[in-house]
Amino acid sequence: MPSAELSTGATIAYEVAGSGFPVLLFAPGGMRSAMSFWESAEWNPVAELSSRFSVVAMDQRNAGASTAPVTADDGWATYTADHLALMDHLGLEQFHVIGGCIGGPYCLGAIQAAPDRVASAVLQQTIGTDNNRDAFYDMFDSWATPLAESRDDIDPAVLLAFRSNMYDHEFILSVDRDFVAACPTPMLVLMGDDLYHPQSTSREVADLAPNATLIEHWKAPDEIEGTVTTVREFLRRHTPA
């Protein structure tokens, strides 16, 4: 598995499969988001899209095989900087993004930071706030505690600041409603339906964004084939000439 030492200070493990216009994947898994999670997801975009696109999968910093320092200033923008730096490393200027779970905020963070680079976005059961902040705190802590125990360079007080930077926001966490309402980037929103991925967030993103389509039913076994076809066609339609 190749890795890239980025200007952000992170060493990011990644894989590239297929050829064609690039698609950058943000895997599910919360703070443990790593490319291996796609293998147990409802569908695997590496397998399903690499015949038509150049699919870039990655482990987020301090997840999977990727590593990075941890500071009190870390937050959504830190991850976005990694994402853009990885695509710079690969020489890929423009790309689609697909994000599952925590990847929803990552997708919108990339669009906000580099709107001319992101051709379209697929948000798959994105996380968002709906009377569930304690669940996000617990999820963060379950990742951060063993990380701190395994490293002597991480201060527990720094982790509290980091957690606040990630999960003390509203809505989709990485951006606000005004940004989504003014965002022209085409989006396909595959609705979530549980504690971490509330329906309300998916519906609100789709309602606010001027060029978004909501798919309510997409992950039952008899729906997956149609979902893959829909995603492929969405990406094809929004691939720059």
C-alpha atoms as a PDB file:
ATOM      1  CA  MET A   1       0.000   0.000   0.000  1.00  0.00           C
ATOM      2  CA  PRO A   2       1.546   3.343  -0.988  1.00  0.00           C
ATOM      3  CA  SER A   3       1.657   6.307   1.365  1.00  0.00           C
ATOM      4  CA  ALA A   4       2.264  10.024   0.899  1.00  0.00           C
ATOM      5  CA  GLU A   5       4.097  12.330   3.286  1.00  0.00           C
ATOM      6  CA  LEU A   6       2.076  15.514   2.955  1.00  0.00           C
ATOM      7  CA  SER A   7       2.850  19.150   3.656  1.00  0.00           C
ATOM      8  CA  THR A   8       0.153  19.000   6.354  1.00  0.00           C
ATOM      9  CA  GLY A   9       2.420  16.786   8.485  1.00  0.00           C
ATOM     10  CA  ALA A  10       0.337  13.674   7.885  1.00  0.00           C
ATOM     11  CA  THR A  11       1.505  10.460   6.290  1.00  0.00           C
ATOM     12  CA  ILE A  12      -1.533   9.193   4.414  1.00  0.00           C
ATOM     13  CA  ALA A  13      -2.001   5.625   3.193  1.00  0.00           C
ATOM     14  CA  TYR A  14      -3.941   5.399  -0.034  1.00  0.00           C
ATOM     15  CA  GLU A  15      -4.725   3.232  -3.041  1.00  0.00           C
ATOM     16  CA  VAL A  16      -5.666   4.118  -6.611  1.00  0.00           C
ATOM     17  CA  ALA A  17      -7.770   1.718  -8.686  1.00  0.00           C
ATOM     18  CA  GLY A  18      -8.938   1.958 -12.283  1.00  0.00           C
ATOM     19  CA  SER A  19      -8.554   4.770 -14.767  1.00  0.00           C
ATOM     20  CA  GLY A  20     -10.561   7.748 -15.911  1.00  0.00           C
ATOM     21  CA  PHE A  21     -11.758  10.905 -14.192  1.00  0.00           C
ATOM     22  CA  PRO A  22     -10.783  10.783 -10.491  1.00  0.00           C
ATOM     23  CA  VAL A  23     -13.155   9.975  -7.636  1.00  0.00           C
ATOM     24  CA  LEU A  24     -11.864  10.602  -4.097  1.00  0.00           C
ATOM     25  CA  LEU A  25     -13.455   8.372  -1.446  1.00  0.00           C
ATOM     26  CA  PHE A  26     -14.003   9.237   2.216  1.00  0.00           C
ATOM     27  CA  ALA A  27     -14.818   5.971   3.950  1.00  0.00           C
ATOM     28  CA  PRO A  28     -17.302   5.422   6.770  1.00  0.00           C
ATOM     29  CA  GLY A  29     -16.041   4.533  10.235  1.00  0.00           C
ATOM     30  CA  GLY A  30     -16.152   7.806  12.167  1.00  0.00           C
ATOM     31  CA  MET A  31     -12.740   8.864  13.449  1.00  0.00           C
ATOM     32  CA  ARG A  32     -11.444   5.437  12.344  1.00  0.00           C
ATOM     33  CA  SER A  33     -12.391   6.148   8.708  1.00  0.00           C
ATOM     34  CA  ALA A  34     -10.176   3.894   6.580  1.00  0.00           C
ATOM     35  CA  MET A  35     -10.422   2.409   3.124  1.00  0.00           C
ATOM     36  CA  SER A  36     -10.978  -1.105   4.520  1.00  0.00           C
ATOM     37  CA  PHE A  37     -14.421  -0.029   5.791  1.00  0.00           C
ATOM     38  CA  TRP A  38     -15.699   0.038   2.213  1.00  0.00           C
ATOM     39  CA  GLU A  39     -15.390  -3.751   2.102  1.00  0.00           C
ATOM     40  CA  SER A  40     -18.180  -4.134   4.669  1.00  0.00           C
ATOM     41  CA  ALA A  41     -20.304  -1.173   3.534  1.00  0.00           C
ATOM     42  CA  GLU A  42     -23.600  -1.483   1.677  1.00  0.00           C
ATOM     43  CA  TRP A  43     -21.617  -1.279  -1.579  1.00  0.00           C
ATOM     44  CA  ASN A  44     -17.944  -0.877  -2.382  1.00  0.00           C
ATOM     45  CA  PRO A  45     -17.240   2.077  -4.696  1.00  0.00           C
ATOM     46  CA  VAL A  46     -13.670   0.871  -5.305  1.00  0.00           C
ATOM     47  CA  ALA A  47     -15.016  -2.317  -6.869  1.00  0.00           C
ATOM     48  CA  GLU A  48     -18.056  -0.768  -8.521  1.00  0.00           C
ATOM     49  CA  LEU A  49     -16.538   2.377 -10.030  1.00  0.00           C
ATOM     50  CA  SER A  50     -12.967   1.511 -10.979  1.00  0.00           C
ATOM     51  CA  SER A  51     -13.971   0.188 -14.392  1.00  0.00           C
ATOM     52  CA  ARG A  52     -14.954   3.742 -15.398  1.00  0.00           C
ATOM     53  CA  PHE A  53     -13.115   6.076 -13.021  1.00  0.00           C
ATOM     54  CA  SER A  54      -9.769   6.456 -11.271  1.00  0.00           C
ATOM     55  CA  VAL A  55     -10.831   5.721  -7.697  1.00  0.00           C
ATOM     56  CA  VAL A  56      -8.674   7.088  -4.865  1.00  0.00           C
ATOM     57  CA  ALA A  57      -9.287   5.470  -1.466  1.00  0.00           C
ATOM     58  CA  MET A  58      -7.508   6.614   1.690  1.00  0.00           C
ATOM     59  CA  ASP A  59      -7.090   6.113   5.417  1.00  0.00           C
ATOM     60  CA  GLN A  60      -7.736   9.350   7.324  1.00  0.00           C
ATOM     61  CA  ARG A  61      -4.997  10.700   9.582  1.00  0.00           C
ATOM     62  CA  ASN A  62      -4.465   8.505  12.654  1.00  0.00           C
ATOM     63  CA  ALA A  63      -6.766   5.834  11.232  1.00  0.00           C
ATOM     64  CA  GLY A  64      -5.814   2.629   9.482  1.00  0.00           C
ATOM     65  CA  ALA A  65      -2.204   2.946   8.310  1.00  0.00           C
ATOM     66  CA  SER A  66      -2.141   6.765   8.273  1.00  0.00           C
ATOM     67  CA  THR A  67      -0.429   8.816  10.964  1.00  0.00           C
ATOM     68  CA  ALA A  68      -0.168  12.471  11.960  1.00  0.00           C
ATOM     69  CA  PRO A  69       0.522  14.728  14.923  1.00  0.00           C
ATOM     70  CA  VAL A  70      -2.438  15.694  17.114  1.00  0.00           C
ATOM     71  CA  THR A  71      -2.881  19.339  18.125  1.00  0.00           C
ATOM     72  CA  ALA A  72      -5.481  21.482  19.853  1.00  0.00           C
ATOM     73  CA  ASP A  73      -6.113  23.253  16.552  1.00  0.00           C
ATOM     74  CA  ASP A  74      -7.102  20.100  14.682  1.00  0.00           C
ATOM     75  CA  GLY A  75     -10.591  20.019  13.210  1.00  0.00           C
ATOM     76  CA  TRP A  76     -12.492  19.630   9.958  1.00  0.00           C
ATOM     77  CA  ALA A  77     -10.175  21.989   8.090  1.00  0.00           C
ATOM     78  CA  THR A  78      -7.206  19.806   9.090  1.00  0.00           C
ATOM     79  CA  TYR A  79      -8.746  16.834   7.306  1.00  0.00           C
ATOM     80  CA  THR A  80      -9.681  18.940   4.294  1.00  0.00           C
ATOM     81  CA  ALA A  81      -6.076  20.082   4.011  1.00  0.00           C
ATOM     82  CA  ASP A  82      -4.996  16.419   3.944  1.00  0.00           C
ATOM     83  CA  HIS A  83      -7.529  15.605   1.227  1.00  0.00           C
ATOM     84  CA  LEU A  84      -6.445  18.395  -1.073  1.00  0.00           C
ATOM     85  CA  ALA A  85      -2.748  17.754  -0.397  1.00  0.00           C
ATOM     86  CA  LEU A  86      -3.174  14.080  -1.297  1.00  0.00           C
ATOM     87  CA  MET A  87      -4.779  14.997  -4.620  1.00  0.00           C
ATOM     88  CA  ASP A  88      -1.957  17.481  -5.216  1.00  0.00           C
ATOM     89  CA  HIS A  89       0.530  14.689  -4.498  1.00  0.00           C
ATOM     90  CA  LEU A  90      -1.213  12.521  -7.109  1.00  0.00           C
ATOM     91  CA  GLY A  91      -1.302  15.372  -9.626  1.00  0.00           C
ATOM     92  CA  LEU A  92      -5.113  15.342  -9.761  1.00  0.00           C
ATOM     93  CA  GLU A  93      -6.593  18.812 -10.122  1.00  0.00           C
ATOM     94  CA  GLN A  94     -10.315  18.048 -10.459  1.00  0.00           C
ATOM     95  CA  PHE A  95     -12.284  15.163  -9.016  1.00  0.00           C
ATOM     96  CA  HIS A  96     -15.603  13.874  -7.710  1.00  0.00           C
ATOM     97  CA  VAL A  97     -15.987  13.073  -3.997  1.00  0.00           C
ATOM     98  CA  ILE A  98     -17.944  10.270  -2.342  1.00  0.00           C
ATOM     99  CA  GLY A  99     -18.291  10.229   1.432  1.00  0.00           C
ATOM    100  CA  GLY A 100     -19.940   7.693   3.712  1.00  0.00           C
ATOM    101  CA  CYS A 101     -20.829   8.585   7.319  1.00  0.00           C
ATOM    102  CA  ILE A 102     -18.156  11.084   8.453  1.00  0.00           C
ATOM    103  CA  GLY A 103     -17.355  11.451   4.765  1.00  0.00           C
ATOM    104  CA  GLY A 104     -20.405  13.667   4.317  1.00  0.00           C
ATOM    105  CA  PRO A 105     -18.808  16.582   6.199  1.00  0.00           C
ATOM    106  CA  TYR A 106     -15.514  15.814   4.464  1.00  0.00           C
ATOM    107  CA  CYS A 107     -17.192  16.185   1.069  1.00  0.00           C
ATOM    108  CA  LEU A 108     -18.643  19.578   1.949  1.00  0.00           C
ATOM    109  CA  GLY A 109     -15.375  20.702   3.517  1.00  0.00           C
ATOM    110  CA  ALA A 110     -13.566  19.966   0.258  1.00  0.00           C
ATOM    111  CA  ILE A 111     -16.186  21.835  -1.748  1.00  0.00           C
ATOM    112  CA  GLN A 112     -15.957  24.856   0.532  1.00  0.00           C
ATOM    113  CA  ALA A 113     -12.159  24.946   0.412  1.00  0.00           C
ATOM    114  CA  ALA A 114     -11.751  24.214  -3.298  1.00  0.00           C
ATOM    115  CA  PRO A 115     -15.053  24.648  -5.163  1.00  0.00           C
ATOM    116  CA  ASP A 116     -13.400  24.660  -8.580  1.00  0.00           C
ATOM    117  CA  ARG A 117     -11.762  21.300  -7.931  1.00  0.00           C
ATOM    118  CA  VAL A 118     -14.805  19.261  -6.850  1.00  0.00           C
ATOM    119  CA  ALA A 119     -16.989  18.360  -9.831  1.00  0.00           C
ATOM    120  CA  SER A 120     -19.737  16.653  -7.806  1.00  0.00           C
ATOM    121  CA  ALA A 121     -20.387  14.952  -4.477  1.00  0.00           C
ATOM    122  CA  VAL A 122     -22.186  11.821  -3.287  1.00  0.00           C
ATOM    123  CA  LEU A 123     -23.109  11.965   0.412  1.00  0.00           C
ATOM    124  CA  GLN A 124     -23.943   8.493   1.725  1.00  0.00           C
ATOM    125  CA  GLN A 125     -25.864   8.538   5.029  1.00  0.00           C
ATOM    126  CA  THR A 126     -23.946  11.554   6.278  1.00  0.00           C
ATOM    127  CA  ILE A 127     -23.494  12.237   9.951  1.00  0.00           C
ATOM    128  CA  GLY A 128     -25.183  15.308  11.415  1.00  0.00           C
ATOM    129  CA  THR A 129     -26.601  16.684  14.651  1.00  0.00           C
ATOM    130  CA  ASP A 130     -30.065  15.744  15.900  1.00  0.00           C
ATOM    131  CA  ASN A 131     -30.078  15.258  19.687  1.00  0.00           C
ATOM    132  CA  ASN A 132     -27.038  13.006  19.347  1.00  0.00           C
ATOM    133  CA  ARG A 133     -23.995  15.044  20.390  1.00  0.00           C
ATOM    134  CA  ASP A 134     -23.138  12.729  23.282  1.00  0.00           C
ATOM    135  CA  ALA A 135     -22.985   9.840  20.810  1.00  0.00           C
ATOM    136  CA  PHE A 136     -20.384  11.735  18.790  1.00  0.00           C
ATOM    137  CA  TYR A 137     -18.399  12.522  21.933  1.00  0.00           C
ATOM    138  CA  ASP A 138     -18.429   8.832  22.855  1.00  0.00           C
ATOM    139  CA  MET A 139     -17.390   7.830  19.343  1.00  0.00           C
ATOM    140  CA  PHE A 140     -14.506  10.318  19.396  1.00  0.00           C
ATOM    141  CA  ASP A 141     -13.378   9.173  22.853  1.00  0.00           C
ATOM    142  CA  SER A 142     -13.427   5.509  21.837  1.00  0.00           C
ATOM    143  CA  TRP A 143     -10.918   6.399  19.101  1.00  0.00           C
ATOM    144  CA  ALA A 144      -8.886   8.967  21.034  1.00  0.00           C
ATOM    145  CA  THR A 145      -8.337   7.057  24.285  1.00  0.00           C
ATOM    146  CA  PRO A 146      -6.455   4.094  22.798  1.00  0.00           C
ATOM    147  CA  LEU A 147      -4.591   6.435  20.448  1.00  0.00           C
ATOM    148  CA  ALA A 148      -3.318   8.481  23.402  1.00  0.00           C
ATOM    149  CA  GLU A 149      -2.410   5.314  25.317  1.00  0.00           C
ATOM    150  CA  SER A 150      -0.291   4.125  22.389  1.00  0.00           C
ATOM    151  CA  ARG A 151       1.601   7.407  21.947  1.00  0.00           C
ATOM    152  CA  ASP A 152       3.510   9.614  24.372  1.00  0.00           C
ATOM    153  CA  ASP A 153       3.150  12.769  22.256  1.00  0.00           C
ATOM    154  CA  ILE A 154      -0.592  13.279  22.838  1.00  0.00           C
ATOM    155  CA  ASP A 155      -1.883  15.423  25.712  1.00  0.00           C
ATOM    156  CA  PRO A 156      -5.425  14.513  26.896  1.00  0.00           C
ATOM    157  CA  ALA A 157      -6.250  18.253  27.113  1.00  0.00           C
ATOM    158  CA  VAL A 158      -5.380  18.566  23.434  1.00  0.00           C
ATOM    159  CA  LEU A 159      -7.831  15.785  22.632  1.00  0.00           C
ATOM    160  CA  LEU A 160     -10.654  17.640  24.384  1.00  0.00           C
ATOM    161  CA  ALA A 161      -9.993  20.728  22.252  1.00  0.00           C
ATOM    162  CA  PHE A 162      -9.823  18.564  19.140  1.00  0.00           C
ATOM    163  CA  ARG A 163     -13.147  16.908  20.012  1.00  0.00           C
ATOM    164  CA  SER A 164     -14.752  20.290  20.518  1.00  0.00           C
ATOM    165  CA  ASN A 165     -13.463  21.507  17.149  1.00  0.00           C
ATOM    166  CA  MET A 166     -15.062  18.504  15.484  1.00  0.00           C
ATOM    167  CA  TYR A 167     -18.347  17.993  17.292  1.00  0.00           C
ATOM    168  CA  ASP A 168     -19.434  21.206  19.012  1.00  0.00           C
ATOM    169  CA  HIS A 169     -21.008  22.489  15.779  1.00  0.00           C
ATOM    170  CA  GLU A 170     -24.519  22.109  14.403  1.00  0.00           C
ATOM    171  CA  PHE A 171     -26.100  20.614  11.291  1.00  0.00           C
ATOM    172  CA  ILE A 172     -23.495  18.752   9.191  1.00  0.00           C
ATOM    173  CA  LEU A 173     -20.657  19.924  11.452  1.00  0.00           C
ATOM    174  CA  SER A 174     -18.041  20.988   8.879  1.00  0.00           C
ATOM    175  CA  VAL A 175     -20.046  23.764   7.178  1.00  0.00           C
ATOM    176  CA  ASP A 176     -23.156  25.792   7.996  1.00  0.00           C
ATOM    177  CA  ARG A 177     -26.563  25.963   6.388  1.00  0.00           C
ATOM    178  CA  ASP A 178     -25.828  29.208   4.565  1.00  0.00           C
ATOM    179  CA  PHE A 179     -22.939  27.589   2.753  1.00  0.00           C
ATOM    180  CA  VAL A 180     -25.016  24.595   1.663  1.00  0.00           C
ATOM    181  CA  ALA A 181     -27.861  26.854   0.511  1.00  0.00           C
ATOM    182  CA  ALA A 182     -25.468  28.784  -1.736  1.00  0.00           C
ATOM    183  CA  CYS A 183     -23.468  25.763  -2.974  1.00  0.00           C
ATOM    184  CA  PRO A 184     -24.029  25.025  -6.694  1.00  0.00           C
ATOM    185  CA  THR A 185     -22.002  21.788  -6.734  1.00  0.00           C
ATOM    186  CA  PRO A 186     -24.154  18.835  -7.891  1.00  0.00           C
ATOM    187  CA  MET A 187     -24.898  16.489  -4.996  1.00  0.00           C
ATOM    188  CA  LEU A 188     -26.481  13.070  -4.705  1.00  0.00           C
ATOM    189  CA  VAL A 189     -27.674  12.468  -1.133  1.00  0.00           C
ATOM    190  CA  LEU A 190     -28.244   8.850  -0.050  1.00  0.00           C
ATOM    191  CA  MET A 191     -30.356   9.239   3.074  1.00  0.00           C
ATOM    192  CA  GLY A 192     -29.262   8.096   6.527  1.00  0.00           C
ATOM    193  CA  ASP A 193     -31.660   6.715   9.092  1.00  0.00           C
ATOM    194  CA  ASP A 194     -30.037   6.142  12.484  1.00  0.00           C
ATOM    195  CA  LEU A 195     -28.509   7.861  15.508  1.00  0.00           C
ATOM    196  CA  TYR A 196     -25.259   8.961  13.868  1.00  0.00           C
ATOM    197  CA  HIS A 197     -26.742   9.460  10.391  1.00  0.00           C
ATOM    198  CA  PRO A 198     -30.140  11.065  10.995  1.00  0.00           C
ATOM    199  CA  GLN A 199     -32.711  11.400   8.255  1.00  0.00           C
ATOM    200  CA  SER A 200     -33.104  15.043   9.194  1.00  0.00           C
ATOM    201  CA  THR A 201     -29.563  15.950   8.114  1.00  0.00           C
ATOM    202  CA  SER A 202     -29.814  14.210   4.747  1.00  0.00           C
ATOM    203  CA  ARG A 203     -33.200  15.791   4.076  1.00  0.00           C
ATOM    204  CA  GLU A 204     -32.013  19.258   5.063  1.00  0.00           C
ATOM    205  CA  VAL A 205     -28.901  19.086   2.889  1.00  0.00           C
ATOM    206  CA  ALA A 206     -31.038  18.014  -0.053  1.00  0.00           C
ATOM    207  CA  ASP A 207     -33.616  20.733   0.641  1.00  0.00           C
ATOM    208  CA  LEU A 208     -31.039  23.508   1.009  1.00  0.00           C
ATOM    209  CA  ALA A 209     -28.563  22.707  -1.752  1.00  0.00           C
ATOM    210  CA  PRO A 210     -29.751  24.134  -5.085  1.00  0.00           C
ATOM    211  CA  ASN A 211     -28.456  21.199  -7.146  1.00  0.00           C
ATOM    212  CA  ALA A 212     -29.051  18.182  -4.914  1.00  0.00           C
ATOM    213  CA  THR A 213     -31.078  14.998  -5.329  1.00  0.00           C
ATOM    214  CA  LEU A 214     -32.232  12.918  -2.352  1.00  0.00           C
ATOM    215  CA  ILE A 215     -32.468   9.127  -2.607  1.00  0.00           C
ATOM    216  CA  GLU A 216     -34.501   7.853   0.348  1.00  0.00           C
ATOM    217  CA  HIS A 217     -34.365   4.113  -0.313  1.00  0.00           C
ATOM    218  CA  TRP A 218     -31.033   2.830  -1.546  1.00  0.00           C
ATOM    219  CA  LYS A 219     -29.369   0.252   0.717  1.00  0.00           C
ATOM    220  CA  ALA A 220     -31.672  -2.757   0.937  1.00  0.00           C
ATOM    221  CA  PRO A 221     -30.196  -5.793  -0.845  1.00  0.00           C
ATOM    222  CA  ASP A 222     -32.691  -5.498  -3.696  1.00  0.00           C
ATOM    223  CA  GLU A 223     -31.920  -1.765  -4.085  1.00  0.00           C
ATOM    224  CA  ILE A 224     -28.129  -1.807  -4.242  1.00  0.00           C
ATOM    225  CA  GLU A 225     -27.823  -2.626  -7.944  1.00  0.00           C
ATOM    226  CA  GLY A 226     -30.033   0.345  -8.771  1.00  0.00           C
ATOM    227  CA  THR A 227     -28.072   2.552  -6.356  1.00  0.00           C
ATOM    228  CA  VAL A 228     -24.786   1.699  -8.058  1.00  0.00           C
ATOM    229  CA  THR A 229     -26.306   2.457 -11.455  1.00  0.00           C
ATOM    230  CA  THR A 230     -27.648   5.780 -10.164  1.00  0.00           C
ATOM    231  CA  VAL A 231     -24.270   6.793  -8.711  1.00  0.00           C
ATOM    232  CA  ARG A 232     -22.395   5.825 -11.873  1.00  0.00           C
ATOM    233  CA  GLU A 233     -24.778   7.825 -14.040  1.00  0.00           C
ATOM    234  CA  PHE A 234     -24.636  10.819 -11.672  1.00  0.00           C
ATOM    235  CA  LEU A 235     -20.844  10.850 -11.799  1.00  0.00           C
ATOM    236  CA  ARG A 236     -20.775  10.369 -15.563  1.00  0.00           C
ATOM    237  CA  ARG A 237     -23.240  13.206 -16.081  1.00  0.00           C
ATOM    238  CA  HIS A 238     -21.160  15.599 -13.998  1.00  0.00           C
ATOM    239  CA  THR A 239     -17.736  14.610 -15.263  1.00  0.00           C
ATOM    240  CA  PRO A 240     -16.169  17.613 -17.021  1.00  0.00           C
ATOM    241  CA  ALA A 241     -15.657  17.224 -20.751  1.00  0.00           C
END
